[in-house]
Amino acid sequence: MSSHDFDADIISIGNLTVGGSGKTPLTIAIAKKYSQVAVILRGYGRESHGLHVISDGNSILTNVKISGDEAMVYAQKLKHAVVIVSEDRIEGILKAREMGAKIIFLDDGYSKHNIKKLDFLIVSNIKNTACLPAGPYRERAWRDKNIEYIYEDKDFQRSVKVINPTKKMVLATAIARASRLNAFLPEIVNKYYFEDHYSFTKEELVDIMDKNRATSLLVTYKDYVKIQDFNLNISILDLYIDVNERIFNTIDRYIKGL
């Protein structure tokens, strides 16, 4: 299959499985190192359709209902980046180029085989290797494609800090495979898991806090962008990624055409 060249350096960071693998914080950690950057993603869970510019690299232009939670995380964490949601990645790329982006990151763009790009795939440590519906894999890696595989604890490491910790925190989160947070949790009074991209109401979160007599609600940053205007006492379980220099060297060689 031929791939279209958009006269830009396009880098996809994704995985082949359903559910969280850390691609959003990994993309953020990598994109921070570069200028004239855009991030394009589909925008799962948003209440909008079509192409929307979430951030122009200077200001956030819309709200989380239009952007979806992950796009808003990008917009808030990568203040220098253009952030675009679009079901059609090619339309997103053309818009990003129009806005001056020279390096474009595709969140989960591996399956877009008609786009010339550098493909990174995060290797999932999941024993079930079957494809949907029997297993978690959406597709197999194509044998004739050049892929850079990324391994956790070898190519990147996670670390977590709690912003605004309090004495009695209760966890409420709507991320895929929420159990992966267990290794990073501080002392909490209880935990509540919701489906990925769930839209919280203020009333249900207040109820959770009241039932547990909690002094704050502990959430991930992906949850926080949806509830930051609820006027609740919030503690944030904020994830940081330390990226091995090998990844940056690979990207730099790609940008230089080596």
C-alpha atoms as a PDB file:
ATOM      1  CA  MET A   1       0.000   0.000   0.000  1.00  0.00           C
ATOM      2  CA  SER A   2       1.391   3.420  -0.979  1.00  0.00           C
ATOM      3  CA  SER A   3       1.577   6.096   1.709  1.00  0.00           C
ATOM      4  CA  HIS A   4       0.891   9.776   1.103  1.00  0.00           C
ATOM      5  CA  ASP A   5       3.708  12.200   1.945  1.00  0.00           C
ATOM      6  CA  PHE A   6       2.372  15.437   3.472  1.00  0.00           C
ATOM      7  CA  ASP A   7       5.753  17.208   3.457  1.00  0.00           C
ATOM      8  CA  ALA A   8       5.831  17.027   7.235  1.00  0.00           C
ATOM      9  CA  ASP A   9       7.443  14.802   9.828  1.00  0.00           C
ATOM     10  CA  ILE A  10       4.587  12.625  11.087  1.00  0.00           C
ATOM     11  CA  ILE A  11       5.049  10.372  14.104  1.00  0.00           C
ATOM     12  CA  SER A  12       2.429   7.939  15.337  1.00  0.00           C
ATOM     13  CA  ILE A  13       2.463   6.644  18.891  1.00  0.00           C
ATOM     14  CA  GLY A  14      -0.017   3.908  19.628  1.00  0.00           C
ATOM     15  CA  ASN A  15      -0.681   0.325  20.563  1.00  0.00           C
ATOM     16  CA  LEU A  16      -2.551  -2.600  19.062  1.00  0.00           C
ATOM     17  CA  THR A  17      -4.697  -3.423  22.066  1.00  0.00           C
ATOM     18  CA  VAL A  18      -7.920  -1.981  23.433  1.00  0.00           C
ATOM     19  CA  GLY A  19      -7.480   0.057  26.571  1.00  0.00           C
ATOM     20  CA  GLY A  20      -4.794   2.149  28.204  1.00  0.00           C
ATOM     21  CA  SER A  21      -1.125   1.624  27.479  1.00  0.00           C
ATOM     22  CA  GLY A  22       0.229   5.048  28.432  1.00  0.00           C
ATOM     23  CA  LYS A  23       0.314   6.494  24.909  1.00  0.00           C
ATOM     24  CA  THR A  24      -1.108   9.886  25.934  1.00  0.00           C
ATOM     25  CA  PRO A  25       1.460  10.701  28.655  1.00  0.00           C
ATOM     26  CA  LEU A  26       4.202   9.171  26.476  1.00  0.00           C
ATOM     27  CA  THR A  27       3.228  11.382  23.523  1.00  0.00           C
ATOM     28  CA  ILE A  28       3.186  14.406  25.835  1.00  0.00           C
ATOM     29  CA  ALA A  29       6.657  13.605  27.182  1.00  0.00           C
ATOM     30  CA  ILE A  30       8.054  13.251  23.666  1.00  0.00           C
ATOM     31  CA  ALA A  31       6.270  16.225  22.056  1.00  0.00           C
ATOM     32  CA  LYS A  32       7.519  18.571  24.794  1.00  0.00           C
ATOM     33  CA  LYS A  33      10.997  18.284  23.286  1.00  0.00           C
ATOM     34  CA  TYR A  34      10.032  19.726  19.908  1.00  0.00           C
ATOM     35  CA  SER A  35       8.736  23.016  18.506  1.00  0.00           C
ATOM     36  CA  GLN A  36       6.182  23.775  15.756  1.00  0.00           C
ATOM     37  CA  VAL A  37       4.295  20.693  16.930  1.00  0.00           C
ATOM     38  CA  ALA A  38       0.741  19.464  16.406  1.00  0.00           C
ATOM     39  CA  VAL A  39      -1.087  16.541  18.009  1.00  0.00           C
ATOM     40  CA  ILE A  40      -3.980  14.963  16.111  1.00  0.00           C
ATOM     41  CA  LEU A  41      -6.368  12.428  17.602  1.00  0.00           C
ATOM     42  CA  ARG A  42      -9.810  11.062  16.965  1.00  0.00           C
ATOM     43  CA  GLY A  43     -11.241  12.411  20.205  1.00  0.00           C
ATOM     44  CA  TYR A  44     -13.014   9.418  21.743  1.00  0.00           C
ATOM     45  CA  GLY A  45     -15.878  10.265  24.065  1.00  0.00           C
ATOM     46  CA  ARG A  46     -16.408  13.806  22.782  1.00  0.00           C
ATOM     47  CA  GLU A  47     -19.870  15.227  22.156  1.00  0.00           C
ATOM     48  CA  SER A  48     -18.868  16.654  18.776  1.00  0.00           C
ATOM     49  CA  HIS A  49     -18.160  15.417  15.272  1.00  0.00           C
ATOM     50  CA  GLY A  50     -15.821  16.482  12.520  1.00  0.00           C
ATOM     51  CA  LEU A  51     -12.665  18.547  12.813  1.00  0.00           C
ATOM     52  CA  HIS A  52     -12.146  20.926  15.726  1.00  0.00           C
ATOM     53  CA  VAL A  53      -9.041  22.887  16.668  1.00  0.00           C
ATOM     54  CA  ILE A  54      -8.805  22.498  20.435  1.00  0.00           C
ATOM     55  CA  SER A  55      -5.673  24.597  20.861  1.00  0.00           C
ATOM     56  CA  ASP A  56      -3.848  26.837  18.397  1.00  0.00           C
ATOM     57  CA  GLY A  57      -0.602  26.563  20.356  1.00  0.00           C
ATOM     58  CA  ASN A  58      -1.327  29.758  22.266  1.00  0.00           C
ATOM     59  CA  SER A  59      -4.846  29.378  23.661  1.00  0.00           C
ATOM     60  CA  ILE A  60      -7.395  26.653  24.298  1.00  0.00           C
ATOM     61  CA  LEU A  61     -10.291  27.433  21.986  1.00  0.00           C
ATOM     62  CA  THR A  62     -13.091  25.167  23.175  1.00  0.00           C
ATOM     63  CA  ASN A  63     -14.379  23.038  26.057  1.00  0.00           C
ATOM     64  CA  VAL A  64     -13.947  19.430  27.071  1.00  0.00           C
ATOM     65  CA  LYS A  65     -17.330  18.348  25.686  1.00  0.00           C
ATOM     66  CA  ILE A  66     -16.211  19.306  22.200  1.00  0.00           C
ATOM     67  CA  SER A  67     -12.621  18.143  22.615  1.00  0.00           C
ATOM     68  CA  GLY A  68     -13.019  14.933  24.616  1.00  0.00           C
ATOM     69  CA  ASP A  69     -10.917  14.244  27.702  1.00  0.00           C
ATOM     70  CA  GLU A  70      -7.660  13.136  26.052  1.00  0.00           C
ATOM     71  CA  ALA A  71      -7.497  16.096  23.658  1.00  0.00           C
ATOM     72  CA  MET A  72      -8.023  18.484  26.554  1.00  0.00           C
ATOM     73  CA  VAL A  73      -5.190  16.816  28.450  1.00  0.00           C
ATOM     74  CA  TYR A  74      -2.940  17.451  25.439  1.00  0.00           C
ATOM     75  CA  ALA A  75      -4.103  21.065  25.192  1.00  0.00           C
ATOM     76  CA  GLN A  76      -3.406  21.740  28.876  1.00  0.00           C
ATOM     77  CA  LYS A  77      -0.135  19.811  29.100  1.00  0.00           C
ATOM     78  CA  LEU A  78       1.336  20.888  25.727  1.00  0.00           C
ATOM     79  CA  LYS A  79       0.672  24.604  25.733  1.00  0.00           C
ATOM     80  CA  HIS A  80       2.928  25.176  22.694  1.00  0.00           C
ATOM     81  CA  ALA A  81       1.223  22.573  20.500  1.00  0.00           C
ATOM     82  CA  VAL A  82      -1.638  22.775  18.051  1.00  0.00           C
ATOM     83  CA  VAL A  83      -4.193  20.154  19.139  1.00  0.00           C
ATOM     84  CA  ILE A  84      -6.794  18.923  16.654  1.00  0.00           C
ATOM     85  CA  VAL A  85      -9.529  16.306  16.911  1.00  0.00           C
ATOM     86  CA  SER A  86     -10.749  14.743  13.692  1.00  0.00           C
ATOM     87  CA  GLU A  87     -12.138  11.362  12.694  1.00  0.00           C
ATOM     88  CA  ASP A  88     -10.358  11.949   9.369  1.00  0.00           C
ATOM     89  CA  ARG A  89      -6.664  12.110  10.190  1.00  0.00           C
ATOM     90  CA  ILE A  90      -5.757  13.392   6.730  1.00  0.00           C
ATOM     91  CA  GLU A  91      -8.036  16.412   7.186  1.00  0.00           C
ATOM     92  CA  GLY A  92      -6.386  16.939  10.570  1.00  0.00           C
ATOM     93  CA  ILE A  93      -2.898  16.795   9.060  1.00  0.00           C
ATOM     94  CA  LEU A  94      -3.802  19.298   6.338  1.00  0.00           C
ATOM     95  CA  LYS A  95      -5.217  21.673   8.964  1.00  0.00           C
ATOM     96  CA  ALA A  96      -2.122  21.300  11.140  1.00  0.00           C
ATOM     97  CA  ARG A  97       0.120  22.079   8.159  1.00  0.00           C
ATOM     98  CA  GLU A  98      -2.030  25.125   7.374  1.00  0.00           C
ATOM     99  CA  MET A  99      -1.460  26.282  10.954  1.00  0.00           C
ATOM    100  CA  GLY A 100       2.316  25.997  10.604  1.00  0.00           C
ATOM    101  CA  ALA A 101       3.046  22.645  12.229  1.00  0.00           C
ATOM    102  CA  LYS A 102       6.186  20.910  10.984  1.00  0.00           C
ATOM    103  CA  ILE A 103       6.178  17.922  13.347  1.00  0.00           C
ATOM    104  CA  ILE A 104       2.851  16.127  13.721  1.00  0.00           C
ATOM    105  CA  PHE A 105       2.107  13.485  16.339  1.00  0.00           C
ATOM    106  CA  LEU A 106      -0.751  11.102  15.642  1.00  0.00           C
ATOM    107  CA  ASP A 107      -2.269   9.661  18.788  1.00  0.00           C
ATOM    108  CA  ASP A 108      -2.960   6.018  17.944  1.00  0.00           C
ATOM    109  CA  GLY A 109      -2.398   6.365  14.190  1.00  0.00           C
ATOM    110  CA  TYR A 110      -0.806   3.006  13.383  1.00  0.00           C
ATOM    111  CA  SER A 111      -3.823   1.752  11.405  1.00  0.00           C
ATOM    112  CA  LYS A 112      -3.640   4.765   9.054  1.00  0.00           C
ATOM    113  CA  HIS A 113      -1.482   2.885   6.559  1.00  0.00           C
ATOM    114  CA  ASN A 114      -2.065   5.472   3.805  1.00  0.00           C
ATOM    115  CA  ILE A 115      -0.073   8.122   5.708  1.00  0.00           C
ATOM    116  CA  LYS A 116       3.720   8.246   5.483  1.00  0.00           C
ATOM    117  CA  LYS A 117       4.951   8.308   9.072  1.00  0.00           C
ATOM    118  CA  LEU A 118       7.227   6.905  11.725  1.00  0.00           C
ATOM    119  CA  ASP A 119       5.307   4.256  13.663  1.00  0.00           C
ATOM    120  CA  PHE A 120       5.933   3.608  17.348  1.00  0.00           C
ATOM    121  CA  LEU A 121       3.973   0.796  18.996  1.00  0.00           C
ATOM    122  CA  ILE A 122       3.883   0.306  22.752  1.00  0.00           C
ATOM    123  CA  VAL A 123       4.259  -3.383  23.552  1.00  0.00           C
ATOM    124  CA  SER A 124       1.486  -4.550  25.880  1.00  0.00           C
ATOM    125  CA  ASN A 125       2.249  -7.132  28.558  1.00  0.00           C
ATOM    126  CA  ILE A 126      -1.042  -8.973  28.046  1.00  0.00           C
ATOM    127  CA  LYS A 127      -1.047 -12.776  27.942  1.00  0.00           C
ATOM    128  CA  ASN A 128      -4.130 -13.089  25.729  1.00  0.00           C
ATOM    129  CA  THR A 129      -2.823 -12.396  22.210  1.00  0.00           C
ATOM    130  CA  ALA A 130      -6.100 -13.012  20.333  1.00  0.00           C
ATOM    131  CA  CYS A 131      -7.859 -10.318  18.296  1.00  0.00           C
ATOM    132  CA  LEU A 132     -11.305  -8.958  19.070  1.00  0.00           C
ATOM    133  CA  PRO A 133     -13.746 -10.325  20.124  1.00  0.00           C
ATOM    134  CA  ALA A 134     -11.753 -13.239  21.586  1.00  0.00           C
ATOM    135  CA  GLY A 135      -8.953 -11.033  22.892  1.00  0.00           C
ATOM    136  CA  PRO A 136      -7.797  -7.440  23.363  1.00  0.00           C
ATOM    137  CA  TYR A 137      -5.979  -6.931  20.046  1.00  0.00           C
ATOM    138  CA  ARG A 138      -7.595  -4.691  17.415  1.00  0.00           C
ATOM    139  CA  GLU A 139      -5.255  -5.889  14.638  1.00  0.00           C
ATOM    140  CA  ARG A 140      -1.900  -7.524  14.036  1.00  0.00           C
ATOM    141  CA  ALA A 141       1.273  -5.696  13.130  1.00  0.00           C
ATOM    142  CA  TRP A 142       1.818  -5.752   9.360  1.00  0.00           C
ATOM    143  CA  ARG A 143       4.885  -7.792   8.425  1.00  0.00           C
ATOM    144  CA  ASP A 144       6.001  -5.423   5.663  1.00  0.00           C
ATOM    145  CA  LYS A 145       5.828  -2.252   7.770  1.00  0.00           C
ATOM    146  CA  ASN A 146       8.724  -0.674   9.606  1.00  0.00           C
ATOM    147  CA  ILE A 147       7.755  -0.431  13.260  1.00  0.00           C
ATOM    148  CA  GLU A 148       9.652   0.887  16.250  1.00  0.00           C
ATOM    149  CA  TYR A 149       8.533  -1.081  19.297  1.00  0.00           C
ATOM    150  CA  ILE A 150       8.528   0.663  22.670  1.00  0.00           C
ATOM    151  CA  TYR A 151       8.911  -1.307  25.887  1.00  0.00           C
ATOM    152  CA  GLU A 152       7.900  -0.014  29.291  1.00  0.00           C
ATOM    153  CA  ASP A 153      10.724  -0.053  31.872  1.00  0.00           C
ATOM    154  CA  LYS A 154      13.219  -0.186  29.011  1.00  0.00           C
ATOM    155  CA  ASP A 155      12.249   2.725  26.765  1.00  0.00           C
ATOM    156  CA  PHE A 156      10.116   4.645  29.245  1.00  0.00           C
ATOM    157  CA  GLN A 157       9.347   4.645  32.954  1.00  0.00           C
ATOM    158  CA  ARG A 158       6.308   5.992  34.760  1.00  0.00           C
ATOM    159  CA  SER A 159       6.331   8.060  37.905  1.00  0.00           C
ATOM    160  CA  VAL A 160       3.422   9.610  39.746  1.00  0.00           C
ATOM    161  CA  LYS A 161       3.026  12.519  42.114  1.00  0.00           C
ATOM    162  CA  VAL A 162      -0.093  13.572  43.966  1.00  0.00           C
ATOM    163  CA  ILE A 163      -1.058  17.208  43.563  1.00  0.00           C
ATOM    164  CA  ASN A 164      -2.943  18.607  46.582  1.00  0.00           C
ATOM    165  CA  PRO A 165      -2.863  15.463  48.777  1.00  0.00           C
ATOM    166  CA  THR A 166      -5.193  15.371  51.772  1.00  0.00           C
ATOM    167  CA  LYS A 167      -5.716  13.065  54.752  1.00  0.00           C
ATOM    168  CA  LYS A 168      -8.746  11.137  53.467  1.00  0.00           C
ATOM    169  CA  MET A 169      -8.752  10.820  49.680  1.00  0.00           C
ATOM    170  CA  VAL A 170     -11.265   8.742  47.744  1.00  0.00           C
ATOM    171  CA  LEU A 171     -10.393   7.627  44.213  1.00  0.00           C
ATOM    172  CA  ALA A 172     -12.873   8.068  41.357  1.00  0.00           C
ATOM    173  CA  THR A 173     -11.581   7.428  37.859  1.00  0.00           C
ATOM    174  CA  ALA A 174     -12.803   6.738  34.325  1.00  0.00           C
ATOM    175  CA  ILE A 175      -9.767   5.350  32.522  1.00  0.00           C
ATOM    176  CA  ALA A 176      -9.199   2.044  30.742  1.00  0.00           C
ATOM    177  CA  ARG A 177      -7.699  -0.717  32.889  1.00  0.00           C
ATOM    178  CA  ALA A 178      -7.936   1.390  36.041  1.00  0.00           C
ATOM    179  CA  SER A 179      -6.313  -1.388  38.085  1.00  0.00           C
ATOM    180  CA  ARG A 180      -2.943  -0.302  36.654  1.00  0.00           C
ATOM    181  CA  LEU A 181      -3.153   2.675  39.018  1.00  0.00           C
ATOM    182  CA  ASN A 182      -2.832   0.386  42.032  1.00  0.00           C
ATOM    183  CA  ALA A 183       0.967   0.440  41.977  1.00  0.00           C
ATOM    184  CA  PHE A 184       0.960   4.240  42.305  1.00  0.00           C
ATOM    185  CA  LEU A 185      -1.881   4.853  44.745  1.00  0.00           C
ATOM    186  CA  PRO A 186      -1.231   6.635  48.042  1.00  0.00           C
ATOM    187  CA  GLU A 187      -3.309   5.738  51.072  1.00  0.00           C
ATOM    188  CA  ILE A 188      -6.988   6.155  50.185  1.00  0.00           C
ATOM    189  CA  VAL A 189     -10.308   5.411  51.889  1.00  0.00           C
ATOM    190  CA  ASN A 190     -12.009   3.805  48.865  1.00  0.00           C
ATOM    191  CA  LYS A 191     -11.939   3.603  45.071  1.00  0.00           C
ATOM    192  CA  TYR A 192     -14.610   3.812  42.383  1.00  0.00           C
ATOM    193  CA  TYR A 193     -14.047   2.745  38.767  1.00  0.00           C
ATOM    194  CA  PHE A 194     -16.157   4.063  35.890  1.00  0.00           C
ATOM    195  CA  GLU A 195     -16.042   3.101  32.212  1.00  0.00           C
ATOM    196  CA  ASP A 196     -13.416   4.766  30.027  1.00  0.00           C
ATOM    197  CA  HIS A 197     -14.314   8.358  28.996  1.00  0.00           C
ATOM    198  CA  TYR A 198     -17.302   8.397  31.375  1.00  0.00           C
ATOM    199  CA  SER A 199     -18.863  11.840  31.928  1.00  0.00           C
ATOM    200  CA  PHE A 200     -19.172  12.454  35.656  1.00  0.00           C
ATOM    201  CA  THR A 201     -21.904  14.498  37.265  1.00  0.00           C
ATOM    202  CA  LYS A 202     -21.084  16.727  40.189  1.00  0.00           C
ATOM    203  CA  GLU A 203     -23.864  15.134  42.236  1.00  0.00           C
ATOM    204  CA  GLU A 204     -22.485  11.601  42.017  1.00  0.00           C
ATOM    205  CA  LEU A 205     -18.998  12.748  42.952  1.00  0.00           C
ATOM    206  CA  VAL A 206     -20.313  14.724  45.914  1.00  0.00           C
ATOM    207  CA  ASP A 207     -22.213  11.589  46.964  1.00  0.00           C
ATOM    208  CA  ILE A 208     -19.019   9.505  46.800  1.00  0.00           C
ATOM    209  CA  MET A 209     -17.166  12.029  48.928  1.00  0.00           C
ATOM    210  CA  ASP A 210     -19.985  12.243  51.472  1.00  0.00           C
ATOM    211  CA  LYS A 211     -20.359   8.456  51.782  1.00  0.00           C
ATOM    212  CA  ASN A 212     -16.647   8.092  52.520  1.00  0.00           C
ATOM    213  CA  ARG A 213     -16.296  11.287  54.557  1.00  0.00           C
ATOM    214  CA  ALA A 214     -13.447  12.133  52.216  1.00  0.00           C
ATOM    215  CA  THR A 215     -11.429  15.319  52.462  1.00  0.00           C
ATOM    216  CA  SER A 216     -10.757  15.283  48.716  1.00  0.00           C
ATOM    217  CA  LEU A 217     -11.511  13.413  45.516  1.00  0.00           C
ATOM    218  CA  LEU A 218      -8.470  11.697  43.979  1.00  0.00           C
ATOM    219  CA  VAL A 219      -8.545  11.580  40.163  1.00  0.00           C
ATOM    220  CA  THR A 220      -6.199  11.221  37.207  1.00  0.00           C
ATOM    221  CA  TYR A 221      -5.501  14.224  35.007  1.00  0.00           C
ATOM    222  CA  LYS A 222      -7.731  12.686  32.333  1.00  0.00           C
ATOM    223  CA  ASP A 223     -10.579  12.770  34.873  1.00  0.00           C
ATOM    224  CA  TYR A 224      -9.623  16.212  36.156  1.00  0.00           C
ATOM    225  CA  VAL A 225     -10.174  18.024  32.839  1.00  0.00           C
ATOM    226  CA  LYS A 226     -13.837  16.958  32.962  1.00  0.00           C
ATOM    227  CA  ILE A 227     -14.523  18.059  36.542  1.00  0.00           C
ATOM    228  CA  GLN A 228     -12.225  21.022  37.128  1.00  0.00           C
ATOM    229  CA  ASP A 229     -15.197  23.417  37.176  1.00  0.00           C
ATOM    230  CA  PHE A 230     -17.198  21.401  39.734  1.00  0.00           C
ATOM    231  CA  ASN A 231     -15.779  23.383  42.667  1.00  0.00           C
ATOM    232  CA  LEU A 232     -14.775  20.232  44.573  1.00  0.00           C
ATOM    233  CA  ASN A 233     -11.639  19.661  46.609  1.00  0.00           C
ATOM    234  CA  ILE A 234      -9.620  17.635  44.106  1.00  0.00           C
ATOM    235  CA  SER A 235      -6.343  15.749  44.446  1.00  0.00           C
ATOM    236  CA  ILE A 236      -4.682  14.766  41.180  1.00  0.00           C
ATOM    237  CA  LEU A 237      -2.761  11.556  40.570  1.00  0.00           C
ATOM    238  CA  ASP A 238      -0.485  13.068  37.936  1.00  0.00           C
ATOM    239  CA  LEU A 239       1.534  10.721  35.724  1.00  0.00           C
ATOM    240  CA  TYR A 240       4.948  11.615  34.349  1.00  0.00           C
ATOM    241  CA  ILE A 241       6.994   9.684  31.812  1.00  0.00           C
ATOM    242  CA  ASP A 242      10.782   9.515  31.620  1.00  0.00           C
ATOM    243  CA  VAL A 243      11.723   8.648  28.036  1.00  0.00           C
ATOM    244  CA  ASN A 244      14.901   6.824  27.043  1.00  0.00           C
ATOM    245  CA  GLU A 245      17.182   8.827  24.761  1.00  0.00           C
ATOM    246  CA  ARG A 246      16.897   6.043  22.152  1.00  0.00           C
ATOM    247  CA  ILE A 247      13.390   7.234  21.308  1.00  0.00           C
ATOM    248  CA  PHE A 248      14.497  10.812  20.697  1.00  0.00           C
ATOM    249  CA  ASN A 249      17.465   9.630  18.647  1.00  0.00           C
ATOM    250  CA  THR A 250      15.121   7.565  16.459  1.00  0.00           C
ATOM    251  CA  ILE A 251      12.840  10.566  15.928  1.00  0.00           C
ATOM    252  CA  ASP A 252      15.754  12.887  15.180  1.00  0.00           C
ATOM    253  CA  ARG A 253      17.110  10.499  12.548  1.00  0.00           C
ATOM    254  CA  TYR A 254      13.665  10.314  10.962  1.00  0.00           C
ATOM    255  CA  ILE A 255      13.354  14.103  10.898  1.00  0.00           C
ATOM    256  CA  LYS A 256      16.780  14.388   9.261  1.00  0.00           C
ATOM    257  CA  GLY A 257      15.826  11.746   6.709  1.00  0.00           C
ATOM    258  CA  LEU A 258      18.477   9.281   7.859  1.00  0.00           C
END
